[in-house]
Amino acid sequence: MAFHKTLFHIYFFFSLVSINFARIVPEDQELDRISTLPGQPPVNFSQFSGYVTVNEQHGRALFYWLTEAPKNAHTKPLVLWLNGGPGCSSIAYGASEEIGAFRINTTASSLYYNEYSWNSLANILFLESPAGVGYSYTNTTSDLKDSGDTRTAEDALIFLIRWMSRFPQYKYRDFYLSGESYAGHYVPQLALKIQEYNKKHSQTFLNLKGFIVGNAVMDTYYDGLGTVTYWWSHSMISDKTYKTLLKHCKFVPQESSIKCDKIMNYAMNHEFGKIDQYSIYTPVCNKSNKTLRVSTTLKSILIGRRSFGYDPCTESYAEKYYNRPDVQKALHANLTGIPYKWTACSDVLLRHWKDSDASMLPTYKKLITAGLRIWIFSGDTDSVVPVTATRFSLSHLKLKIKTPWYPWYTGGQVGGWSEVYEGVTFATVRGAGHEVPLIQPRRGFVLFKSFLSGKYLPNK
């Protein structure tokens, strides 16, 4: 009996602590609360957005948008979402086209609810990173021309530490990283920074449990080889062009040859036709004032640096909406008068990106050893960072297979295929392009749900 009384008193004590802790809301957190967004439908969850300064000397500040879960937000995990580029906005893509709570209508006058929003499963934190992307800014102009992988990861870590101080209810909560495309660099690099931070700060650690990343840029060489192989295997280029690419391209941007660049440009400009390279089987936007803009340099394509996502028409809705003064006011954004318009991607950052790891495979090996839950997925109709590229990269991690290749299902149909290795789960999403949750929202939702639960994808 005494033992049970002791347990009761311990439970009661921590319940009181939790209740009192929840009541202590930092003032700057409450200042970031979003009452409602222009044209927003009624919702039953809380939203916050604003800035966290990550470098006082340079005046770098990163913009975030948190959408909490409608039910049991206080117990559900926190998930950070990052889009890639480098230089593209998580608000433009992740929040507005993929996993966010809202979609923007065609006139950019109102929002409508996304029934497959990931915030029904977790609290979702969107971050525009690095400084110069979207609403995130720097007061030091030179920062825009010397961004790179290293500083992006360092600033993101500082953001998380300071954001957790503003939102103490999320300290020690189960925490996951997620993203797509060049976030194949951002996510594991940030995960490694967190691991290093935790080793030095055991009392204020970030409770990182794992990460999930889609159509991820992983290794320059294997991504390049996998990309042209995808083009050929999906009849986008001729046999002659494929053989010429294999002969003249080393698939390392720094060693790009004139002959390789020439045949690469020929393939995209003359053999591809007018397709959406991020989703090769879906229609392109045919509005006369909008064309599918795709980089034509070997460097941009093979590293998977993106200027645009699926449907450039959809992207234009975001650019109209997030440039509205009333929207910016509601989001507590652009408070300093940024001297340029909000755009989905920053061409300045893309052109001047300084450091980019040639391969993320050594980083993956470290994170696998650390015991994190790691999932990698691929929409199988993306020709920019295609499934073949990811599979080539994964094969060179030389991981032991736990569960051999199998189909997974949703809605009575095959949703894709999966193979589980020692330390990594790989999954494809059938019929999805670069932005998996946009083109296959239900399948993307099932994928995310399985990841959070740590369970296999449904096999029947």
Protein backbone atom coordinates (compact mmCIF):
# COMPACT_ATOMS: atom_id res chain seq x y z
CA MET A 1 0.00 0.00 0.00
CA ALA A 2 2.82 2.40 0.88
CA PHE A 3 4.37 1.77 -2.51
CA HIS A 4 1.15 2.68 -4.31
CA LYS A 5 0.76 5.82 -2.19
CA THR A 6 4.28 6.85 -3.14
CA LEU A 7 3.51 6.36 -6.83
CA PHE A 8 0.32 8.39 -6.43
CA HIS A 9 2.17 11.29 -4.79
CA ILE A 10 4.86 11.29 -7.49
CA TYR A 11 2.22 11.27 -10.21
CA PHE A 12 0.24 14.04 -8.46
CA PHE A 13 3.37 16.18 -8.06
CA PHE A 14 4.33 15.95 -11.71
CA SER A 15 0.73 16.61 -12.77
CA LEU A 16 0.79 19.86 -10.79
CA VAL A 17 4.14 20.78 -12.28
CA SER A 18 2.80 20.14 -15.79
CA ILE A 19 -0.35 22.19 -15.17
CA ASN A 20 1.56 25.12 -13.72
CA PHE A 21 4.19 24.89 -16.47
CA ALA A 22 1.46 25.04 -19.11
CA ARG A 23 0.06 28.20 -17.52
CA ILE A 24 3.40 29.99 -17.75
CA VAL A 25 3.29 31.30 -21.31
CA PRO A 26 6.18 33.58 -22.29
CA GLU A 27 4.98 36.98 -23.46
CA ASP A 28 6.87 36.76 -26.75
CA GLN A 29 5.10 33.46 -27.48
CA GLU A 30 1.70 35.05 -27.05
CA LEU A 31 2.76 37.97 -29.26
CA ASP A 32 3.39 35.44 -32.04
CA ARG A 33 -0.12 33.99 -31.87
CA ILE A 34 -2.08 34.20 -35.14
CA SER A 35 -5.68 35.19 -34.49
CA THR A 36 -6.77 34.44 -38.05
CA LEU A 37 -5.40 34.74 -41.58
CA PRO A 38 -7.17 36.68 -44.34
CA GLY A 39 -9.64 34.38 -46.04
CA GLN A 40 -9.01 31.56 -43.58
CA PRO A 41 -11.77 29.05 -42.77
CA PRO A 42 -12.57 28.44 -39.08
CA VAL A 43 -10.15 26.01 -37.42
CA ASN A 44 -9.88 24.32 -34.03
CA PHE A 45 -6.10 24.56 -33.59
CA SER A 46 -3.63 27.26 -32.56
CA GLN A 47 -1.17 28.94 -34.89
CA PHE A 48 1.92 31.03 -34.18
CA SER A 49 4.39 32.79 -36.44
CA GLY A 50 7.19 35.31 -36.21
CA TYR A 51 10.93 35.78 -36.10
CA VAL A 52 13.84 34.35 -34.15
CA THR A 53 17.13 36.23 -34.42
CA VAL A 54 20.02 33.83 -35.02
CA ASN A 55 22.85 36.35 -35.44
CA GLU A 56 22.66 39.77 -33.78
CA GLN A 57 25.85 41.10 -35.37
CA HIS A 58 24.68 40.49 -38.94
CA GLY A 59 21.01 40.95 -38.18
CA ARG A 60 19.98 37.50 -39.42
CA ALA A 61 16.47 36.46 -38.41
CA LEU A 62 14.55 33.35 -39.47
CA PHE A 63 10.78 33.26 -39.95
CA TYR A 64 8.67 30.37 -38.68
CA TRP A 65 5.03 29.28 -38.75
CA LEU A 66 3.74 26.74 -36.22
CA THR A 67 0.43 24.94 -36.73
CA GLU A 68 -0.46 22.92 -33.68
CA ALA A 69 -2.50 19.74 -33.70
CA PRO A 70 -6.30 20.12 -33.31
CA LYS A 71 -6.43 17.38 -30.66
CA ASN A 72 -4.00 16.64 -27.84
CA ALA A 73 -1.42 19.12 -29.10
CA HIS A 74 0.23 19.03 -25.67
CA THR A 75 1.17 15.36 -26.07
CA LYS A 76 1.84 15.08 -29.79
CA PRO A 77 5.37 15.36 -31.20
CA LEU A 78 6.91 18.41 -32.83
CA VAL A 79 7.98 18.09 -36.47
CA LEU A 80 10.17 20.65 -38.25
CA TRP A 81 9.65 20.87 -42.03
CA LEU A 82 12.30 22.26 -44.41
CA ASN A 83 12.08 22.77 -48.16
CA GLY A 84 15.20 22.79 -50.25
CA GLY A 85 16.52 24.74 -53.19
CA PRO A 86 18.81 25.79 -51.79
CA GLY A 87 16.85 28.99 -51.36
CA CYS A 88 13.22 27.87 -51.47
CA SER A 89 10.48 28.63 -48.96
CA SER A 90 8.89 26.10 -46.63
CA ILE A 91 5.88 28.43 -46.47
CA ALA A 92 5.47 28.44 -50.26
CA TYR A 93 5.78 24.70 -50.69
CA GLY A 94 5.49 22.68 -47.49
CA ALA A 95 2.85 24.85 -45.82
CA SER A 96 0.85 25.95 -48.87
CA GLU A 97 1.10 23.06 -51.33
CA GLU A 98 2.02 19.95 -49.41
CA ILE A 99 1.58 19.14 -45.72
CA GLY A 100 0.18 22.41 -44.35
CA ALA A 101 -3.30 23.04 -43.00
CA PHE A 102 -4.37 25.33 -45.86
CA ARG A 103 -4.36 25.62 -49.63
CA ILE A 104 -4.62 28.95 -51.46
CA ASN A 105 -7.42 29.47 -53.97
CA THR A 106 -6.78 30.53 -57.56
CA THR A 107 -7.34 34.24 -56.96
CA ALA A 108 -5.21 34.31 -53.78
CA SER A 109 -8.23 35.79 -52.00
CA SER A 110 -8.95 32.95 -49.57
CA LEU A 111 -7.72 29.69 -48.08
CA TYR A 112 -9.34 26.27 -47.87
CA TYR A 113 -8.59 23.39 -45.52
CA ASN A 114 -6.29 20.51 -46.49
CA GLU A 115 -7.94 17.32 -45.25
CA TYR A 116 -4.58 15.51 -45.33
CA SER A 117 -2.73 18.12 -43.32
CA TRP A 118 0.04 16.57 -41.28
CA ASN A 119 -0.86 18.69 -38.25
CA SER A 120 -3.65 16.23 -37.46
CA LEU A 121 -0.84 13.87 -36.42
CA ALA A 122 1.77 16.26 -35.01
CA ASN A 123 2.56 19.89 -34.30
CA ILE A 124 4.19 21.17 -37.51
CA LEU A 125 6.86 23.86 -37.48
CA PHE A 126 7.69 25.40 -40.88
CA LEU A 127 10.98 27.27 -41.13
CA GLU A 128 12.10 29.58 -43.94
CA SER A 129 15.83 28.91 -44.04
CA PRO A 130 18.46 30.24 -44.57
CA ALA A 131 18.23 34.03 -44.17
CA GLY A 132 17.14 35.48 -47.50
CA VAL A 133 14.47 32.84 -48.10
CA GLY A 134 10.88 34.08 -48.00
CA TYR A 135 10.33 36.35 -45.01
CA SER A 136 13.63 35.38 -43.36
CA TYR A 137 16.12 38.22 -43.70
CA THR A 138 19.57 39.56 -42.98
CA ASN A 139 20.71 43.14 -42.46
CA THR A 140 24.09 42.23 -43.97
CA THR A 141 23.74 42.12 -47.74
CA SER A 142 26.86 40.00 -48.21
CA ASP A 143 25.11 37.17 -46.31
CA LEU A 144 22.95 36.61 -49.38
CA LYS A 145 26.00 35.85 -51.49
CA ASP A 146 27.96 33.60 -49.17
CA SER A 147 25.34 31.22 -47.78
CA GLY A 148 26.07 27.53 -47.73
CA ASP A 149 25.42 24.22 -46.03
CA THR A 150 27.54 24.91 -42.95
CA ARG A 151 26.03 28.24 -41.94
CA THR A 152 22.51 27.07 -42.76
CA ALA A 153 22.86 24.18 -40.30
CA GLU A 154 24.45 26.40 -37.64
CA ASP A 155 21.72 29.04 -37.90
CA ALA A 156 18.97 26.39 -37.84
CA LEU A 157 20.38 24.95 -34.62
CA ILE A 158 20.49 28.41 -33.00
CA PHE A 159 16.92 28.96 -34.17
CA LEU A 160 15.74 25.74 -32.49
CA ILE A 161 17.48 26.48 -29.20
CA ARG A 162 16.04 29.99 -29.02
CA TRP A 163 12.61 28.93 -30.30
CA MET A 164 12.39 26.30 -27.57
CA SER A 165 13.00 29.04 -24.99
CA ARG A 166 10.03 30.92 -26.43
CA PHE A 167 7.94 27.74 -26.50
CA PRO A 168 9.07 25.89 -23.34
CA GLN A 169 6.12 23.48 -23.58
CA TYR A 170 8.01 21.81 -26.44
CA LYS A 171 11.26 21.34 -24.55
CA TYR A 172 11.99 17.62 -24.26
CA ARG A 173 8.97 16.77 -26.44
CA ASP A 174 9.58 14.04 -29.03
CA PHE A 175 11.03 15.93 -31.97
CA TYR A 176 11.47 14.97 -35.64
CA LEU A 177 12.97 16.64 -38.71
CA SER A 178 11.39 16.39 -42.16
CA GLY A 179 11.72 17.88 -45.62
CA GLU A 180 12.42 17.23 -49.28
CA SER A 181 14.84 17.85 -52.14
CA TYR A 182 17.90 19.84 -51.01
CA ALA A 183 16.63 19.25 -47.49
CA GLY A 184 18.42 15.96 -48.16
CA HIS A 185 21.36 18.12 -47.06
CA TYR A 186 19.61 20.40 -44.56
CA VAL A 187 17.93 17.65 -42.54
CA PRO A 188 20.82 15.24 -41.85
CA GLN A 189 23.24 18.15 -41.39
CA LEU A 190 20.94 19.70 -38.79
CA ALA A 191 20.41 16.28 -37.17
CA LEU A 192 24.18 15.91 -36.79
CA LYS A 193 24.43 19.43 -35.29
CA ILE A 194 21.73 18.50 -32.77
CA GLN A 195 23.56 15.29 -31.87
CA GLU A 196 26.75 17.27 -31.26
CA TYR A 197 24.87 19.88 -29.22
CA ASN A 198 23.20 17.23 -27.06
CA LYS A 199 26.55 15.69 -26.16
CA LYS A 200 27.68 19.02 -24.70
CA HIS A 201 24.36 20.11 -23.16
CA SER A 202 22.79 17.12 -21.47
CA GLN A 203 20.55 19.35 -19.31
CA THR A 204 19.03 21.31 -22.22
CA PHE A 205 19.10 18.72 -24.96
CA LEU A 206 16.83 18.67 -28.00
CA ASN A 207 14.86 15.41 -27.91
CA LEU A 208 15.50 14.43 -31.53
CA LYS A 209 14.05 11.01 -32.31
CA GLY A 210 14.61 10.83 -36.06
CA PHE A 211 13.89 12.30 -39.47
CA ILE A 212 12.06 11.65 -42.73
CA VAL A 213 13.10 13.18 -46.04
CA GLY A 214 11.73 12.81 -49.56
CA ASN A 215 13.30 12.91 -53.04
CA ALA A 216 16.44 13.84 -51.22
CA VAL A 217 19.68 15.12 -52.70
CA MET A 218 22.17 12.65 -51.21
CA ASP A 219 25.29 12.21 -53.31
CA THR A 220 26.42 14.32 -56.28
CA TYR A 221 27.78 11.43 -58.33
CA TYR A 222 25.02 8.87 -57.69
CA ASP A 223 22.32 11.53 -57.99
CA GLY A 224 23.70 12.54 -61.39
CA LEU A 225 24.05 9.01 -62.67
CA GLY A 226 20.63 8.08 -61.31
CA THR A 227 19.02 11.13 -62.89
CA VAL A 228 20.14 10.51 -66.48
CA THR A 229 19.33 6.81 -66.04
CA TYR A 230 15.80 7.81 -65.02
CA TRP A 231 15.51 10.07 -68.08
CA TRP A 232 16.49 7.22 -70.38
CA SER A 233 14.44 4.52 -68.63
CA HIS A 234 11.33 6.76 -68.78
CA SER A 235 11.79 7.55 -72.50
CA MET A 236 12.59 11.22 -71.93
CA ILE A 237 15.84 11.04 -73.92
CA SER A 238 17.18 9.02 -76.84
CA ASP A 239 19.64 6.15 -76.66
CA LYS A 240 22.23 8.34 -78.37
CA THR A 241 21.86 11.15 -75.84
CA TYR A 242 22.01 8.72 -72.92
CA LYS A 243 25.23 7.13 -74.19
CA THR A 244 26.76 10.56 -74.82
CA LEU A 245 25.90 11.72 -71.32
CA LEU A 246 27.46 8.62 -69.77
CA LYS A 247 30.58 9.13 -71.89
CA HIS A 248 31.17 12.85 -71.29
CA CYS A 249 29.63 13.61 -67.88
CA LYS A 250 31.51 12.90 -64.66
CA PHE A 251 28.44 13.93 -62.60
CA VAL A 252 30.51 16.21 -60.43
CA PRO A 253 29.64 19.90 -61.04
CA GLN A 254 33.18 21.13 -60.47
CA GLU A 255 34.37 18.81 -63.25
CA SER A 256 31.61 19.53 -65.73
CA SER A 257 32.78 19.55 -69.34
CA ILE A 258 31.58 21.76 -72.18
CA LYS A 259 30.48 18.67 -74.10
CA CYS A 260 28.47 17.43 -71.11
CA ASP A 261 26.78 20.80 -70.63
CA LYS A 262 25.96 20.98 -74.32
CA ILE A 263 24.32 17.57 -74.52
CA MET A 264 22.51 18.19 -71.20
CA ASN A 265 21.00 21.39 -72.56
CA TYR A 266 20.11 19.63 -75.81
CA ALA A 267 18.26 16.90 -73.93
CA MET A 268 16.21 19.34 -71.86
CA ASN A 269 15.49 21.83 -74.63
CA HIS A 270 14.87 19.45 -77.54
CA GLU A 271 14.07 15.96 -76.28
CA PHE A 272 12.10 16.46 -73.06
CA GLY A 273 9.35 18.56 -74.60
CA LYS A 274 7.15 20.79 -72.46
CA ILE A 275 6.77 18.70 -69.34
CA ASP A 276 6.93 19.35 -65.64
CA GLN A 277 10.24 17.75 -64.73
CA TYR A 278 9.13 17.52 -61.09
CA SER A 279 6.08 15.46 -62.03
CA ILE A 280 6.47 14.05 -65.51
CA TYR A 281 2.97 12.60 -65.98
CA THR A 282 0.88 15.56 -64.82
CA PRO A 283 -0.17 18.55 -66.98
CA VAL A 284 1.89 21.74 -67.05
CA CYS A 285 0.40 25.18 -66.52
CA ASN A 286 -0.76 26.58 -69.85
CA LYS A 287 -1.47 30.14 -68.75
CA SER A 288 0.11 32.45 -71.29
CA ASN A 289 1.88 34.50 -68.64
CA LYS A 290 3.37 31.52 -66.87
CA THR A 291 5.88 28.99 -68.17
CA LEU A 292 7.61 26.13 -66.46
CA ARG A 293 10.99 27.58 -65.59
CA VAL A 294 13.67 24.97 -65.24
CA SER A 295 17.40 25.46 -64.75
CA THR A 296 19.40 24.32 -67.76
CA THR A 297 22.79 23.96 -66.14
CA LEU A 298 24.27 20.62 -65.21
CA LYS A 299 25.05 21.97 -61.74
CA SER A 300 21.45 22.86 -60.95
CA ILE A 301 19.84 19.72 -62.32
CA LEU A 302 22.24 17.13 -60.98
CA ILE A 303 22.39 18.57 -57.47
CA GLY A 304 18.60 18.88 -57.50
CA ARG A 305 18.57 22.60 -56.80
CA ARG A 306 15.07 23.70 -57.53
CA SER A 307 13.66 27.00 -58.62
CA PHE A 308 10.09 25.79 -58.76
CA GLY A 309 7.85 23.08 -57.48
CA TYR A 310 4.84 21.36 -58.95
CA ASP A 311 2.48 23.55 -60.99
CA PRO A 312 3.95 27.02 -61.51
CA CYS A 313 0.39 28.35 -61.58
CA THR A 314 -0.11 27.17 -58.00
CA GLU A 315 3.11 28.83 -57.02
CA SER A 316 1.84 32.13 -58.39
CA TYR A 317 -1.12 31.98 -56.00
CA ALA A 318 1.30 31.81 -53.08
CA GLU A 319 3.36 34.73 -54.37
CA LYS A 320 0.20 36.85 -54.60
CA TYR A 321 -1.10 35.82 -51.19
CA TYR A 322 2.08 36.23 -49.17
CA ASN A 323 2.81 39.64 -50.67
CA ARG A 324 -0.51 40.99 -49.43
CA PRO A 325 0.04 43.54 -46.61
CA ASP A 326 -2.89 42.18 -44.60
CA VAL A 327 -1.47 38.65 -44.78
CA GLN A 328 1.95 39.84 -43.67
CA LYS A 329 0.40 41.73 -40.78
CA ALA A 330 -1.55 38.65 -39.66
CA LEU A 331 1.64 36.54 -39.84
CA HIS A 332 3.75 39.15 -37.99
CA ALA A 333 6.00 39.08 -41.07
CA ASN A 334 8.09 41.69 -42.86
CA LEU A 335 8.16 43.92 -39.80
CA THR A 336 11.43 45.57 -40.86
CA GLY A 337 10.42 46.40 -44.44
CA ILE A 338 12.44 43.84 -46.42
CA PRO A 339 13.62 45.64 -49.60
CA TYR A 340 12.32 42.97 -51.99
CA LYS A 341 9.11 41.04 -52.55
CA TRP A 342 8.38 37.70 -50.96
CA THR A 343 9.19 34.97 -53.49
CA ALA A 344 8.90 31.21 -53.38
CA CYS A 345 12.63 30.85 -54.11
CA SER A 346 15.63 33.15 -53.94
CA ASP A 347 17.62 33.17 -57.17
CA VAL A 348 20.39 35.13 -55.41
CA LEU A 349 20.97 32.37 -52.87
CA LEU A 350 20.80 29.69 -55.55
CA ARG A 351 23.38 31.39 -57.76
CA HIS A 352 25.82 32.15 -54.96
CA TRP A 353 25.61 29.01 -52.81
CA LYS A 354 29.12 28.50 -51.41
CA ASP A 355 29.61 25.15 -49.72
CA SER A 356 27.74 21.97 -50.57
CA ASP A 357 28.80 18.53 -49.36
CA ALA A 358 29.50 16.27 -52.33
CA SER A 359 28.02 13.33 -50.45
CA MET A 360 25.74 13.01 -47.44
CA LEU A 361 26.41 9.28 -47.12
CA PRO A 362 29.10 9.65 -44.40
CA THR A 363 26.66 11.80 -42.41
CA TYR A 364 23.94 9.18 -42.78
CA LYS A 365 26.32 6.54 -41.45
CA LYS A 366 26.96 8.62 -38.32
CA LEU A 367 23.25 9.19 -37.74
CA ILE A 368 22.43 5.50 -38.27
CA THR A 369 25.02 4.65 -35.63
CA ALA A 370 23.35 7.18 -33.30
CA GLY A 371 20.16 5.09 -33.45
CA LEU A 372 17.83 7.69 -34.96
CA ARG A 373 14.68 6.65 -36.80
CA ILE A 374 15.52 7.41 -40.44
CA TRP A 375 13.06 7.17 -43.32
CA ILE A 376 13.81 8.12 -46.93
CA PHE A 377 11.02 8.23 -49.51
CA SER A 378 10.72 8.93 -53.22
CA GLY A 379 7.86 10.00 -55.40
CA ASP A 380 8.44 7.86 -58.50
CA THR A 381 7.47 10.41 -61.19
CA ASP A 382 10.08 13.03 -60.27
CA SER A 383 12.86 13.37 -62.86
CA VAL A 384 14.89 16.01 -60.98
CA VAL A 385 15.85 13.98 -57.89
CA PRO A 386 14.43 10.65 -59.04
CA VAL A 387 13.94 7.35 -57.29
CA THR A 388 16.83 5.81 -59.25
CA ALA A 389 19.22 8.42 -57.81
CA THR A 390 18.09 7.66 -54.25
CA ARG A 391 18.39 3.90 -54.76
CA PHE A 392 21.91 4.24 -56.19
CA SER A 393 22.93 6.28 -53.13
CA LEU A 394 21.28 3.93 -50.64
CA SER A 395 22.93 0.89 -52.21
CA HIS A 396 26.33 2.40 -51.45
CA LEU A 397 25.53 2.63 -47.74
CA LYS A 398 25.78 -1.18 -47.89
CA LEU A 399 23.11 -1.73 -45.23
CA LYS A 400 21.82 -5.14 -44.23
CA ILE A 401 18.24 -5.83 -45.36
CA LYS A 402 15.79 -6.51 -42.53
CA THR A 403 12.57 -6.70 -44.56
CA PRO A 404 12.85 -7.36 -48.31
CA TRP A 405 11.07 -5.29 -50.94
CA TYR A 406 7.28 -5.35 -50.58
CA PRO A 407 4.25 -3.39 -51.83
CA TRP A 408 2.37 -1.21 -49.38
CA TYR A 409 -1.30 -0.26 -49.65
CA THR A 410 -3.79 2.50 -49.01
CA GLY A 411 -7.40 2.70 -50.15
CA GLY A 412 -7.19 -0.82 -51.52
CA GLN A 413 -4.47 0.18 -53.99
CA VAL A 414 -0.70 -0.16 -54.01
CA GLY A 415 0.60 3.08 -52.53
CA GLY A 416 4.21 2.27 -53.35
CA TRP A 417 6.98 -0.11 -52.38
CA SER A 418 9.27 -0.35 -49.38
CA GLU A 419 12.41 -2.04 -48.15
CA VAL A 420 13.63 -1.89 -44.57
CA TYR A 421 17.33 -1.90 -43.81
CA GLU A 422 19.30 -1.94 -40.58
CA GLY A 423 18.97 1.73 -39.63
CA VAL A 424 16.96 3.08 -42.60
CA THR A 425 13.49 2.55 -44.03
CA PHE A 426 13.11 3.31 -47.74
CA ALA A 427 9.73 3.78 -49.41
CA THR A 428 8.47 4.85 -52.81
CA VAL A 429 5.17 6.63 -53.35
CA ARG A 430 3.47 5.48 -56.52
CA GLY A 431 2.37 8.21 -58.90
CA ALA A 432 3.89 11.04 -56.87
CA GLY A 433 6.34 13.62 -58.12
CA HIS A 434 8.91 15.74 -56.32
CA GLU A 435 6.29 17.12 -53.92
CA VAL A 436 4.79 13.85 -52.76
CA PRO A 437 2.07 15.25 -50.43
CA LEU A 438 0.84 17.60 -53.16
CA ILE A 439 0.32 15.00 -55.88
CA GLN A 440 -0.51 11.98 -53.68
CA PRO A 441 -1.77 13.56 -50.42
CA ARG A 442 -3.43 10.44 -49.01
CA ARG A 443 -0.43 8.24 -49.68
CA GLY A 444 1.87 10.89 -48.25
CA PHE A 445 -0.29 11.06 -45.14
CA VAL A 446 -0.19 7.27 -44.62
CA LEU A 447 3.57 7.37 -45.08
CA PHE A 448 3.98 10.07 -42.42
CA LYS A 449 1.62 8.30 -40.02
CA SER A 450 3.62 5.08 -40.32
CA PHE A 451 6.87 6.97 -39.77
CA LEU A 452 5.62 8.62 -36.57
CA SER A 453 4.34 5.33 -35.19
CA GLY A 454 7.58 3.56 -36.05
CA LYS A 455 5.58 0.84 -37.75
CA TYR A 456 5.86 -0.77 -41.17
CA LEU A 457 3.77 0.61 -44.01
CA PRO A 458 0.48 -1.32 -44.38
CA ASN A 459 1.16 -4.39 -46.51
CA LYS A 460 -2.43 -5.38 -47.23
